Amino acid sequence: MTLTLVLVLALLVGVSLGLLGGGGSILTVPLLVYVAGMDAKEAIATSLFVVGVTSAVGMINHARGGRVRWRTGALFGAAGMAGAYTGGLIGGSIPDVVLLVAFAAMMIVTAAAMLRGRRDADPGKAHRQIPVGRVLLDGAAVGLATGLVGAGGGFLVVPALALLGGLPMPVAVGTSLLVIAMKSAAGFAGYLSTVRIDWSLTLAVTGFAIAGSLAGARLAGRVPADVLSRLFAWFVLAMGTFVLVQQAPAGTRLPILAAVVSLGAGAGVCYGFVARCPLRRAVHGT
């Protein structure tokens, strides 16, 4: 039953990648930790393999459609690989609780970025020279986060490619899959020296995730992207909060959960009913 649940959820991970161009690691790590029963390091390493292979397969259709900019993706991906490999090496010596807290923080940052929304590139900048230094710096920083905690993929890469590389959003999504595949491979290589991989489960999860990504790609044009992205962001925010609460000392979990629920309720009331709520400006940039 546990294996069946893991594989069904892996299918949904793939659907999120196909629909949104991201979200794979954000869902895969909690799935492997809390459903499959892996420790944090093994879950992060396994998620890097699953998401890397799934992204590489998903990139094929984008490449056929001319939605992959190879030079920009190679620059960002190469810097990301260096950062991800370093993060994977460092992550192998960090306590599990620290990794999971860092992962939860990344989930919350990702959810906030999704709620704010993706900004498309200025068409006037689309054909200007790429700021190579900035691309390399941002690529290394995102890669380090990915290698360390197994997250920070598409939802950080896509806006960076759109804004720094001047890419239209569909091209940024396609190119991001190349970047994610490259830095996931490097991060996985960094973890291999300290983590033992259950290859039978890893390959099964990867297969189901690939199947889900292909299904998600077919559904992408039929589902309102903005609505789906916001619903997913709230889910990621809830999951990040759950992981944080799980890592707190046993006696403090209930008070922390009560405080988070109260804060969330207050934020919801402010956003929904207060015209000048700061959350509105933060989310919509106005």
Protein backbone atom coordinates (compact mmCIF):
# COMPACT_ATOMS: atom_id res chain seq x y z
CA MET A 1 0.00 0.00 0.00
CA THR A 2 2.81 2.42 0.84
CA LEU A 3 4.57 1.75 -2.47
CA THR A 4 1.31 2.26 -4.37
CA LEU A 5 0.70 5.58 -2.62
CA VAL A 6 4.28 6.72 -3.32
CA LEU A 7 3.91 5.93 -7.04
CA VAL A 8 0.52 7.63 -7.32
CA LEU A 9 1.91 10.75 -5.68
CA ALA A 10 4.96 10.57 -7.96
CA LEU A 11 2.54 10.69 -10.88
CA LEU A 12 1.12 13.94 -9.45
CA VAL A 13 4.65 15.34 -9.06
CA GLY A 14 5.16 14.78 -12.77
CA VAL A 15 1.84 16.44 -13.58
CA SER A 16 2.96 19.55 -11.68
CA LEU A 17 6.18 19.66 -13.70
CA GLY A 18 4.28 19.28 -16.96
CA LEU A 19 1.68 21.92 -16.07
CA LEU A 20 3.82 24.51 -14.30
CA GLY A 21 7.41 23.92 -15.43
CA GLY A 22 8.43 23.46 -11.80
CA GLY A 23 7.40 22.14 -8.43
CA GLY A 24 9.00 18.72 -8.76
CA SER A 25 11.46 18.81 -5.88
CA ILE A 26 9.11 20.85 -3.71
CA LEU A 27 6.73 17.86 -3.75
CA THR A 28 9.18 14.98 -4.13
CA VAL A 29 11.21 15.55 -0.95
CA PRO A 30 8.19 15.56 1.45
CA LEU A 31 6.77 12.57 -0.45
CA LEU A 32 9.95 10.55 0.06
CA VAL A 33 10.45 11.64 3.69
CA TYR A 34 6.91 11.38 5.06
CA VAL A 35 5.38 8.67 2.82
CA ALA A 36 8.32 6.52 1.68
CA GLY A 37 10.11 6.86 5.04
CA MET A 38 13.51 7.97 3.71
CA ASP A 39 15.88 10.11 5.74
CA ALA A 40 16.38 13.70 4.56
CA LYS A 41 19.68 13.17 2.72
CA GLU A 42 18.45 10.12 0.81
CA ALA A 43 15.19 11.89 -0.07
CA ILE A 44 17.00 14.99 -1.36
CA ALA A 45 19.44 12.93 -3.43
CA THR A 46 16.65 10.77 -4.86
CA SER A 47 14.53 13.83 -5.69
CA LEU A 48 17.44 15.35 -7.61
CA PHE A 49 17.64 12.22 -9.78
CA VAL A 50 13.86 12.02 -10.30
CA VAL A 51 13.43 15.70 -11.17
CA GLY A 52 16.58 15.82 -13.32
CA VAL A 53 15.52 12.91 -15.52
CA THR A 54 11.90 14.09 -15.70
CA SER A 55 13.00 17.59 -16.70
CA ALA A 56 15.30 16.21 -19.41
CA VAL A 57 12.43 14.20 -20.90
CA GLY A 58 10.05 17.17 -20.67
CA MET A 59 12.58 19.39 -22.44
CA ILE A 60 12.38 17.31 -25.63
CA ASN A 61 8.98 18.66 -26.72
CA HIS A 62 10.04 22.22 -25.90
CA ALA A 63 13.20 21.79 -27.97
CA ARG A 64 11.20 20.49 -30.92
CA GLY A 65 9.00 23.56 -30.66
CA GLY A 66 12.00 25.91 -30.64
CA ARG A 67 11.40 26.95 -27.02
CA VAL A 68 14.90 26.18 -25.69
CA ARG A 69 17.69 28.79 -25.92
CA TRP A 70 20.73 26.56 -25.73
CA ARG A 71 23.40 29.22 -25.12
CA THR A 72 21.54 30.96 -22.30
CA GLY A 73 20.54 27.64 -20.75
CA ALA A 74 24.08 26.28 -20.99
CA LEU A 75 25.53 29.39 -19.28
CA PHE A 76 22.98 29.35 -16.46
CA GLY A 77 23.13 25.56 -16.20
CA ALA A 78 26.93 25.40 -16.06
CA ALA A 79 27.03 27.88 -13.18
CA GLY A 80 24.16 26.00 -11.57
CA MET A 81 26.04 22.71 -11.85
CA ALA A 82 29.04 24.12 -9.99
CA GLY A 83 26.78 25.45 -7.23
CA ALA A 84 24.66 22.28 -7.09
CA TYR A 85 27.67 19.95 -6.86
CA THR A 86 29.07 22.06 -4.02
CA GLY A 87 25.69 22.04 -2.30
CA GLY A 88 25.44 18.27 -2.66
CA LEU A 89 28.87 17.77 -1.08
CA ILE A 90 28.05 20.12 1.80
CA GLY A 91 24.57 18.66 2.32
CA GLY A 92 25.96 15.20 2.99
CA SER A 93 27.55 16.43 6.23
CA ILE A 94 24.67 18.58 7.53
CA PRO A 95 22.20 17.14 10.12
CA ASP A 96 18.83 16.06 8.71
CA VAL A 97 16.86 18.51 10.86
CA VAL A 98 18.86 21.45 9.48
CA LEU A 99 18.31 20.29 5.90
CA LEU A 100 14.57 19.91 6.43
CA VAL A 101 14.26 23.35 8.06
CA ALA A 102 16.20 24.86 5.13
CA PHE A 103 13.98 22.94 2.72
CA ALA A 104 10.84 24.24 4.44
CA ALA A 105 12.18 27.79 4.23
CA MET A 106 12.77 27.28 0.49
CA MET A 107 9.18 26.05 0.11
CA ILE A 108 7.86 29.21 1.77
CA VAL A 109 10.06 31.45 -0.40
CA THR A 110 8.90 29.57 -3.51
CA ALA A 111 5.24 29.93 -2.52
CA ALA A 112 5.69 33.66 -1.99
CA ALA A 113 7.34 34.00 -5.42
CA MET A 114 4.46 32.10 -7.04
CA LEU A 115 1.82 34.22 -5.32
CA ARG A 116 3.58 37.35 -6.51
CA GLY A 117 3.47 35.98 -10.04
CA ARG A 118 5.95 35.68 -12.86
CA ARG A 119 7.03 38.83 -14.60
CA ASP A 120 7.53 38.50 -18.31
CA ALA A 121 10.52 40.01 -20.00
CA ASP A 122 10.52 43.46 -21.57
CA PRO A 123 10.25 42.78 -25.35
CA GLY A 124 12.76 45.58 -25.93
CA LYS A 125 15.41 43.61 -24.02
CA ALA A 126 14.85 40.29 -25.76
CA HIS A 127 17.66 40.70 -28.26
CA ARG A 128 20.16 42.66 -26.20
CA GLN A 129 23.41 41.16 -25.01
CA ILE A 130 22.96 38.73 -22.11
CA PRO A 131 24.56 39.95 -18.83
CA VAL A 132 26.88 36.93 -18.61
CA GLY A 133 28.32 37.82 -15.20
CA ARG A 134 24.89 38.20 -13.62
CA VAL A 135 23.62 35.01 -15.27
CA LEU A 136 26.61 33.05 -13.91
CA LEU A 137 26.21 34.53 -10.41
CA ASP A 138 22.48 33.86 -10.21
CA GLY A 139 22.93 30.40 -11.71
CA ALA A 140 25.53 29.47 -9.09
CA ALA A 141 23.34 30.78 -6.24
CA VAL A 142 20.25 28.89 -7.41
CA GLY A 143 22.36 25.79 -8.05
CA LEU A 144 23.80 25.89 -4.53
CA ALA A 145 20.28 26.00 -3.06
CA THR A 146 19.16 23.14 -5.31
CA GLY A 147 22.12 20.93 -4.48
CA LEU A 148 21.88 21.63 -0.75
CA VAL A 149 18.17 21.04 -0.12
CA GLY A 150 16.94 19.57 -3.41
CA ALA A 151 14.62 22.50 -4.19
CA GLY A 152 14.66 25.91 -5.80
CA GLY A 153 14.32 24.70 -9.38
CA GLY A 154 11.82 25.96 -11.92
CA PHE A 155 10.14 28.63 -9.83
CA LEU A 156 13.48 30.40 -9.31
CA VAL A 157 15.04 29.61 -12.69
CA VAL A 158 12.13 30.70 -14.91
CA PRO A 159 11.92 34.31 -13.61
CA ALA A 160 15.72 34.61 -13.72
CA LEU A 161 15.83 33.50 -17.35
CA ALA A 162 12.96 35.79 -18.30
CA LEU A 163 14.40 38.87 -16.62
CA LEU A 164 18.16 38.35 -17.13
CA GLY A 165 18.10 36.56 -20.45
CA GLY A 166 15.24 38.58 -21.93
CA LEU A 167 13.38 35.38 -22.82
CA PRO A 168 9.62 35.24 -23.48
CA MET A 169 7.88 33.18 -20.80
CA PRO A 170 7.24 30.03 -22.93
CA VAL A 171 10.92 30.01 -23.95
CA ALA A 172 12.01 30.63 -20.34
CA VAL A 173 9.97 27.60 -19.21
CA GLY A 174 11.49 25.36 -21.91
CA THR A 175 15.02 26.58 -21.22
CA SER A 176 14.53 26.15 -17.47
CA LEU A 177 14.07 22.41 -17.97
CA LEU A 178 17.56 22.24 -19.50
CA VAL A 179 18.97 24.17 -16.52
CA ILE A 180 17.11 22.01 -13.97
CA ALA A 181 18.32 18.79 -15.62
CA MET A 182 21.95 20.01 -15.58
CA LYS A 183 22.07 21.20 -11.99
CA SER A 184 20.02 18.27 -10.66
CA ALA A 185 22.60 15.90 -12.19
CA ALA A 186 25.43 17.83 -10.52
CA GLY A 187 23.69 17.97 -7.14
CA PHE A 188 22.95 14.23 -7.33
CA ALA A 189 26.62 13.55 -8.10
CA GLY A 190 27.60 15.58 -5.03
CA TYR A 191 25.37 13.48 -2.77
CA LEU A 192 26.48 10.12 -4.21
CA SER A 193 29.69 10.13 -2.18
CA THR A 194 27.77 10.15 1.14
CA VAL A 195 24.28 8.77 0.41
CA ARG A 196 23.14 5.28 -0.54
CA ILE A 197 20.39 5.20 -3.20
CA ASP A 198 17.51 2.69 -3.34
CA TRP A 199 17.64 2.31 -7.12
CA SER A 200 14.54 0.13 -7.52
CA LEU A 201 12.32 2.70 -5.79
CA THR A 202 14.13 5.63 -7.42
CA LEU A 203 13.61 4.28 -10.94
CA ALA A 204 9.97 3.41 -10.24
CA VAL A 205 9.25 6.92 -8.91
CA THR A 206 11.10 8.42 -11.90
CA GLY A 207 9.04 6.40 -14.36
CA PHE A 208 5.75 7.49 -12.83
CA ALA A 209 6.91 11.12 -12.64
CA ILE A 210 7.81 11.07 -16.35
CA ALA A 211 4.38 9.65 -17.19
CA GLY A 212 2.77 12.39 -15.11
CA SER A 213 4.83 15.12 -16.78
CA LEU A 214 3.73 13.97 -20.22
CA ALA A 215 0.10 14.01 -19.08
CA GLY A 216 0.58 17.45 -17.49
CA ALA A 217 2.05 18.83 -20.71
CA ARG A 218 -1.09 17.74 -22.58
CA LEU A 219 -3.32 19.41 -19.98
CA ALA A 220 -1.29 22.63 -19.86
CA GLY A 221 -3.38 24.50 -22.43
CA ARG A 222 -6.72 23.44 -20.91
CA VAL A 223 -6.22 24.62 -17.32
CA PRO A 224 -6.14 28.33 -16.33
CA ALA A 225 -2.45 28.78 -15.50
CA ASP A 226 -2.90 31.67 -13.04
CA VAL A 227 -5.54 29.87 -10.97
CA LEU A 228 -3.55 26.64 -10.93
CA SER A 229 -0.34 28.43 -9.96
CA ARG A 230 -1.99 30.23 -7.01
CA LEU A 231 -3.68 27.07 -5.71
CA PHE A 232 -0.36 25.24 -5.94
CA ALA A 233 1.41 28.11 -4.15
CA TRP A 234 -0.99 27.95 -1.19
CA PHE A 235 -0.49 24.17 -1.06
CA VAL A 236 3.31 24.60 -1.05
CA LEU A 237 3.00 27.22 1.71
CA ALA A 238 0.93 24.80 3.81
CA MET A 239 3.43 21.98 3.20
CA GLY A 240 6.36 24.20 4.14
CA THR A 241 4.61 25.12 7.38
CA PHE A 242 3.92 21.44 8.09
CA VAL A 243 7.59 20.52 7.61
CA LEU A 244 8.70 23.37 9.90
CA VAL A 245 6.27 22.33 12.62
CA GLN A 246 7.41 18.69 12.31
CA GLN A 247 11.01 19.72 13.01
CA ALA A 248 10.12 21.70 16.15
CA PRO A 249 10.58 20.08 19.60
CA ALA A 250 7.59 17.90 20.44
CA GLY A 251 6.33 20.11 23.28
CA THR A 252 6.27 23.25 21.13
CA ARG A 253 4.55 21.92 18.00
CA LEU A 254 0.97 22.65 19.06
CA PRO A 255 1.65 26.27 20.17
CA ILE A 256 3.64 26.92 16.99
CA LEU A 257 0.85 25.45 14.85
CA ALA A 258 -1.75 27.57 16.67
CA ALA A 259 0.36 30.69 16.15
CA VAL A 260 0.82 29.92 12.45
CA VAL A 261 -2.91 29.29 11.95
CA SER A 262 -3.77 32.55 13.72
CA LEU A 263 -1.23 34.46 11.65
CA GLY A 264 -2.56 32.88 8.45
CA ALA A 265 -6.16 33.70 9.37
CA GLY A 266 -5.22 37.30 10.10
CA ALA A 267 -3.34 37.57 6.81
CA GLY A 268 -6.32 36.12 4.95
CA VAL A 269 -8.72 38.61 6.50
CA CYS A 270 -6.33 41.48 5.72
CA TYR A 271 -5.87 40.38 2.09
CA GLY A 272 -9.54 39.67 1.48
CA PHE A 273 -11.25 42.56 3.24
CA VAL A 274 -8.78 45.43 3.79
CA ALA A 275 -8.38 47.61 0.72
CA ARG A 276 -4.94 48.94 1.70
CA CYS A 277 -3.57 45.67 3.08
CA PRO A 278 0.24 45.48 2.65
CA LEU A 279 -0.17 41.88 1.47
CA ARG A 280 -1.98 43.11 -1.63
CA ARG A 281 0.99 45.30 -2.54
CA ALA A 282 3.43 42.48 -1.82
CA VAL A 283 1.54 39.96 -3.95
CA HIS A 284 0.52 42.19 -6.82
CA GLY A 285 3.46 44.59 -6.74
CA THR A 286 1.17 47.64 -6.50
